[in-house]
Amino acid sequence: MVIKKCSNCSQEKEHHAKGLCYPCYKKLNWKPKIQKCKRCKREMALHAKGLCAGCYNSLFHLDKNKAYNARKSNNVDLQTYRKTTKECVICGFDKIVDLHHIDKNKQNNSPKNLIGLCPNHHRMINNFNFRPEIFKILKEKGFDLPLDEKIDFHKRASLQN
């Protein structure tokens, strides 16, 4: 490792080439090879495996990105997210599990308010027609559920008819 003064930024850093530190060399002299991406066919600097950075990330890191976005949109830390989304609390499915806030308040991240649901049960709990059925199962499993006046109204309306 050779430490020299960079001819561009005048800082004492590790010498790369042509009297420049690595950041200055990359900024001023490095020219990436422009080729056609195998997947999207755009002409750009390739990342790896003959793919541009966008295609590479969407093919090889899509699950990580989806998990990060789910945690970010639900305002939950990684450990809580992983613990909660191990399996669906209703059917035990463990391949794809969504995070659901029981009281629908994304700011309330208490463990009692968070449950993992498979996509089918998550869709059912958010659907007005199937919510009573899912709430009944959750209540039998010991979860504290908020009082849902819309469901009570639906029951009252059906009793009056």
C-alpha atoms as a PDB file:
ATOM      1  CA  MET A   1       0.000   0.000   0.000  1.00  0.00           C
ATOM      2  CA  VAL A   2       1.507   3.309  -1.107  1.00  0.00           C
ATOM      3  CA  ILE A   3       0.302   6.519   0.575  1.00  0.00           C
ATOM      4  CA  LYS A   4       0.859   9.603  -1.576  1.00  0.00           C
ATOM      5  CA  LYS A   5      -0.614  13.046  -2.003  1.00  0.00           C
ATOM      6  CA  CYS A   6      -3.374  13.022  -4.619  1.00  0.00           C
ATOM      7  CA  SER A   7      -2.654  15.405  -7.515  1.00  0.00           C
ATOM      8  CA  ASN A   8      -6.376  16.280  -7.763  1.00  0.00           C
ATOM      9  CA  CYS A   9      -7.730  16.620  -4.191  1.00  0.00           C
ATOM     10  CA  SER A  10      -4.366  17.095  -2.416  1.00  0.00           C
ATOM     11  CA  GLN A  11      -5.258  14.608   0.324  1.00  0.00           C
ATOM     12  CA  GLU A  12      -2.853  11.969   1.595  1.00  0.00           C
ATOM     13  CA  LYS A  13      -4.546   8.725   0.596  1.00  0.00           C
ATOM     14  CA  GLU A  14      -3.729   5.362  -0.852  1.00  0.00           C
ATOM     15  CA  HIS A  15      -2.319   5.894  -4.347  1.00  0.00           C
ATOM     16  CA  HIS A  16      -4.275   4.275  -7.189  1.00  0.00           C
ATOM     17  CA  ALA A  17      -2.903   5.336 -10.576  1.00  0.00           C
ATOM     18  CA  LYS A  18      -1.718   8.416 -12.458  1.00  0.00           C
ATOM     19  CA  GLY A  19      -0.981  10.241  -9.194  1.00  0.00           C
ATOM     20  CA  LEU A  20      -4.635  10.075  -8.068  1.00  0.00           C
ATOM     21  CA  CYS A  21      -6.401   8.516  -5.098  1.00  0.00           C
ATOM     22  CA  TYR A  22      -9.087   5.914  -5.882  1.00  0.00           C
ATOM     23  CA  PRO A  23     -12.147   8.273  -5.699  1.00  0.00           C
ATOM     24  CA  CYS A  24     -10.471  10.877  -7.928  1.00  0.00           C
ATOM     25  CA  TYR A  25      -9.265   8.245 -10.410  1.00  0.00           C
ATOM     26  CA  LYS A  26     -12.764   6.782 -10.670  1.00  0.00           C
ATOM     27  CA  LYS A  27     -14.284  10.246 -11.108  1.00  0.00           C
ATOM     28  CA  LEU A  28     -11.786  11.550 -13.700  1.00  0.00           C
ATOM     29  CA  ASN A  29     -10.207   8.673 -15.611  1.00  0.00           C
ATOM     30  CA  TRP A  30     -12.239   5.493 -15.179  1.00  0.00           C
ATOM     31  CA  LYS A  31     -14.515   4.740 -18.118  1.00  0.00           C
ATOM     32  CA  PRO A  32     -16.792   1.714 -17.672  1.00  0.00           C
ATOM     33  CA  LYS A  33     -17.193  -0.657 -20.594  1.00  0.00           C
ATOM     34  CA  ILE A  34     -20.573  -0.045 -22.225  1.00  0.00           C
ATOM     35  CA  GLN A  35     -22.304  -3.222 -23.361  1.00  0.00           C
ATOM     36  CA  LYS A  36     -25.822  -4.485 -23.942  1.00  0.00           C
ATOM     37  CA  CYS A  37     -27.554  -6.015 -20.896  1.00  0.00           C
ATOM     38  CA  LYS A  38     -28.587  -9.640 -21.518  1.00  0.00           C
ATOM     39  CA  ARG A  39     -31.975  -9.113 -19.907  1.00  0.00           C
ATOM     40  CA  CYS A  40     -33.234  -5.620 -20.769  1.00  0.00           C
ATOM     41  CA  LYS A  41     -31.045  -5.083 -23.869  1.00  0.00           C
ATOM     42  CA  ARG A  42     -30.110  -1.513 -22.831  1.00  0.00           C
ATOM     43  CA  GLU A  43     -26.620  -0.227 -23.583  1.00  0.00           C
ATOM     44  CA  MET A  44     -25.001   0.572 -20.236  1.00  0.00           C
ATOM     45  CA  ALA A  45     -22.187  -0.286 -17.857  1.00  0.00           C
ATOM     46  CA  LEU A  46     -22.679  -3.870 -16.774  1.00  0.00           C
ATOM     47  CA  HIS A  47     -22.707  -4.930 -13.124  1.00  0.00           C
ATOM     48  CA  ALA A  48     -22.155  -8.704 -13.114  1.00  0.00           C
ATOM     49  CA  LYS A  49     -23.156 -11.809 -15.094  1.00  0.00           C
ATOM     50  CA  GLY A  50     -23.732  -9.668 -18.192  1.00  0.00           C
ATOM     51  CA  LEU A  51     -26.547  -7.694 -16.513  1.00  0.00           C
ATOM     52  CA  CYS A  52     -26.967  -4.004 -15.723  1.00  0.00           C
ATOM     53  CA  ALA A  53     -27.220  -3.116 -12.016  1.00  0.00           C
ATOM     54  CA  GLY A  54     -31.041  -2.871 -12.076  1.00  0.00           C
ATOM     55  CA  CYS A  55     -31.537  -6.266 -13.712  1.00  0.00           C
ATOM     56  CA  TYR A  56     -28.927  -7.897 -11.482  1.00  0.00           C
ATOM     57  CA  ASN A  57     -30.588  -6.596  -8.306  1.00  0.00           C
ATOM     58  CA  SER A  58     -34.100  -7.528  -9.448  1.00  0.00           C
ATOM     59  CA  LEU A  59     -32.992 -11.100 -10.270  1.00  0.00           C
ATOM     60  CA  PHE A  60     -30.712 -11.861  -7.337  1.00  0.00           C
ATOM     61  CA  HIS A  61     -31.883  -9.569  -4.513  1.00  0.00           C
ATOM     62  CA  LEU A  62     -35.634  -9.195  -5.067  1.00  0.00           C
ATOM     63  CA  ASP A  63     -36.608 -11.024  -1.857  1.00  0.00           C
ATOM     64  CA  LYS A  64     -34.266  -8.867   0.233  1.00  0.00           C
ATOM     65  CA  ASN A  65     -35.676  -5.704  -1.328  1.00  0.00           C
ATOM     66  CA  LYS A  66     -39.270  -6.787  -0.737  1.00  0.00           C
ATOM     67  CA  ALA A  67     -38.533  -7.653   2.894  1.00  0.00           C
ATOM     68  CA  TYR A  68     -36.771  -4.308   3.413  1.00  0.00           C
ATOM     69  CA  ASN A  69     -39.674  -2.386   1.873  1.00  0.00           C
ATOM     70  CA  ALA A  70     -42.207  -4.301   3.983  1.00  0.00           C
ATOM     71  CA  ARG A  71     -40.271  -3.525   7.170  1.00  0.00           C
ATOM     72  CA  LYS A  72     -39.873   0.114   6.167  1.00  0.00           C
ATOM     73  CA  SER A  73     -43.543   0.619   5.255  1.00  0.00           C
ATOM     74  CA  ASN A  74     -44.706  -1.119   8.449  1.00  0.00           C
ATOM     75  CA  ASN A  75     -42.204   0.747  10.657  1.00  0.00           C
ATOM     76  CA  VAL A  76     -40.845  -2.455  12.263  1.00  0.00           C
ATOM     77  CA  ASP A  77     -37.258  -3.440  13.107  1.00  0.00           C
ATOM     78  CA  LEU A  78     -35.684  -6.476  11.430  1.00  0.00           C
ATOM     79  CA  GLN A  79     -35.749  -8.821  14.456  1.00  0.00           C
ATOM     80  CA  THR A  80     -39.434  -8.192  15.144  1.00  0.00           C
ATOM     81  CA  TYR A  81     -40.257  -8.584  11.447  1.00  0.00           C
ATOM     82  CA  ARG A  82     -38.435 -11.919  11.157  1.00  0.00           C
ATOM     83  CA  LYS A  83     -39.942 -13.273  14.377  1.00  0.00           C
ATOM     84  CA  THR A  84     -43.475 -12.262  13.397  1.00  0.00           C
ATOM     85  CA  THR A  85     -43.322 -13.459   9.787  1.00  0.00           C
ATOM     86  CA  LYS A  86     -42.004 -16.988  10.416  1.00  0.00           C
ATOM     87  CA  GLU A  87     -45.385 -18.540   9.670  1.00  0.00           C
ATOM     88  CA  CYS A  88     -49.058 -17.724   9.253  1.00  0.00           C
ATOM     89  CA  VAL A  89     -50.740 -17.766  12.679  1.00  0.00           C
ATOM     90  CA  ILE A  90     -53.895 -19.281  11.189  1.00  0.00           C
ATOM     91  CA  CYS A  91     -52.708 -22.082   8.895  1.00  0.00           C
ATOM     92  CA  GLY A  92     -48.965 -22.393   9.624  1.00  0.00           C
ATOM     93  CA  PHE A  93     -47.886 -21.672   6.016  1.00  0.00           C
ATOM     94  CA  ASP A  94     -44.245 -20.536   6.091  1.00  0.00           C
ATOM     95  CA  LYS A  95     -43.214 -19.809   2.477  1.00  0.00           C
ATOM     96  CA  ILE A  96     -44.695 -16.306   2.038  1.00  0.00           C
ATOM     97  CA  VAL A  97     -45.851 -14.492   5.173  1.00  0.00           C
ATOM     98  CA  ASP A  98     -47.089 -10.893   5.400  1.00  0.00           C
ATOM     99  CA  LEU A  99     -47.018  -8.672   8.466  1.00  0.00           C
ATOM    100  CA  HIS A 100     -50.423  -7.487   9.670  1.00  0.00           C
ATOM    101  CA  HIS A 101     -51.265  -4.902  12.336  1.00  0.00           C
ATOM    102  CA  ILE A 102     -54.381  -6.147  14.122  1.00  0.00           C
ATOM    103  CA  ASP A 103     -55.642  -2.642  14.935  1.00  0.00           C
ATOM    104  CA  LYS A 104     -54.529  -1.349  11.474  1.00  0.00           C
ATOM    105  CA  ASN A 105     -52.339   1.296  13.164  1.00  0.00           C
ATOM    106  CA  LYS A 106     -48.842   1.065  11.636  1.00  0.00           C
ATOM    107  CA  GLN A 107     -47.424   3.151  14.491  1.00  0.00           C
ATOM    108  CA  ASN A 108     -48.496   0.552  17.071  1.00  0.00           C
ATOM    109  CA  ASN A 109     -45.681  -2.006  16.893  1.00  0.00           C
ATOM    110  CA  SER A 110     -46.316  -3.841  20.127  1.00  0.00           C
ATOM    111  CA  PRO A 111     -45.902  -7.633  19.805  1.00  0.00           C
ATOM    112  CA  LYS A 112     -49.582  -8.114  20.721  1.00  0.00           C
ATOM    113  CA  ASN A 113     -50.601  -6.016  17.702  1.00  0.00           C
ATOM    114  CA  LEU A 114     -48.421  -7.782  15.097  1.00  0.00           C
ATOM    115  CA  ILE A 115     -49.238 -11.110  13.465  1.00  0.00           C
ATOM    116  CA  GLY A 116     -47.927 -12.991  10.454  1.00  0.00           C
ATOM    117  CA  LEU A 117     -50.471 -14.027   7.840  1.00  0.00           C
ATOM    118  CA  CYS A 118     -50.128 -15.908   4.563  1.00  0.00           C
ATOM    119  CA  PRO A 119     -51.311 -13.890   1.527  1.00  0.00           C
ATOM    120  CA  ASN A 120     -54.681 -15.701   1.473  1.00  0.00           C
ATOM    121  CA  HIS A 121     -55.532 -15.004   5.117  1.00  0.00           C
ATOM    122  CA  HIS A 122     -54.124 -11.459   4.896  1.00  0.00           C
ATOM    123  CA  ARG A 123     -56.448 -10.760   1.989  1.00  0.00           C
ATOM    124  CA  MET A 124     -59.344 -12.349   3.866  1.00  0.00           C
ATOM    125  CA  ILE A 125     -58.792 -10.266   7.029  1.00  0.00           C
ATOM    126  CA  ASN A 126     -58.787  -7.101   4.913  1.00  0.00           C
ATOM    127  CA  ASN A 127     -61.946  -8.186   3.067  1.00  0.00           C
ATOM    128  CA  PHE A 128     -65.184  -7.177   4.772  1.00  0.00           C
ATOM    129  CA  ASN A 129     -66.966 -10.440   3.873  1.00  0.00           C
ATOM    130  CA  PHE A 130     -64.381 -12.771   5.443  1.00  0.00           C
ATOM    131  CA  ARG A 131     -63.201 -10.672   8.399  1.00  0.00           C
ATOM    132  CA  PRO A 132     -65.629 -12.183  10.970  1.00  0.00           C
ATOM    133  CA  GLU A 133     -64.452 -15.697  10.065  1.00  0.00           C
ATOM    134  CA  ILE A 134     -60.759 -14.766  10.466  1.00  0.00           C
ATOM    135  CA  PHE A 135     -61.424 -12.794  13.668  1.00  0.00           C
ATOM    136  CA  LYS A 136     -63.227 -15.832  15.114  1.00  0.00           C
ATOM    137  CA  ILE A 137     -60.195 -18.054  14.396  1.00  0.00           C
ATOM    138  CA  LEU A 138     -57.807 -15.472  15.867  1.00  0.00           C
ATOM    139  CA  LYS A 139     -59.973 -15.102  18.979  1.00  0.00           C
ATOM    140  CA  GLU A 140     -59.949 -18.895  19.455  1.00  0.00           C
ATOM    141  CA  LYS A 141     -56.143 -18.814  19.243  1.00  0.00           C
ATOM    142  CA  GLY A 142     -56.016 -16.237  22.058  1.00  0.00           C
ATOM    143  CA  PHE A 143     -55.399 -12.945  20.246  1.00  0.00           C
ATOM    144  CA  ASP A 144     -56.837  -9.699  21.615  1.00  0.00           C
ATOM    145  CA  LEU A 145     -58.887  -8.182  18.826  1.00  0.00           C
ATOM    146  CA  PRO A 146     -60.173  -4.613  18.613  1.00  0.00           C
ATOM    147  CA  LEU A 147     -63.906  -4.078  18.582  1.00  0.00           C
ATOM    148  CA  ASP A 148     -64.909  -3.682  14.944  1.00  0.00           C
ATOM    149  CA  GLU A 149     -68.081  -1.604  14.752  1.00  0.00           C
ATOM    150  CA  LYS A 150     -68.437  -2.259  11.018  1.00  0.00           C
ATOM    151  CA  ILE A 151     -68.802  -5.992  11.693  1.00  0.00           C
ATOM    152  CA  ASP A 152     -71.263  -5.364  14.524  1.00  0.00           C
ATOM    153  CA  PHE A 153     -73.245  -3.069  12.217  1.00  0.00           C
ATOM    154  CA  HIS A 154     -73.269  -5.792   9.559  1.00  0.00           C
ATOM    155  CA  LYS A 155     -74.608  -8.316  12.115  1.00  0.00           C
ATOM    156  CA  ARG A 156     -77.280  -5.878  13.348  1.00  0.00           C
ATOM    157  CA  ALA A 157     -78.375  -5.096   9.789  1.00  0.00           C
ATOM    158  CA  SER A 158     -78.700  -8.779   8.891  1.00  0.00           C
ATOM    159  CA  LEU A 159     -80.691  -9.454  12.103  1.00  0.00           C
ATOM    160  CA  GLN A 160     -83.143  -6.640  11.313  1.00  0.00           C
ATOM    161  CA  ASN A 161     -83.918  -8.018   7.831  1.00  0.00           C
END
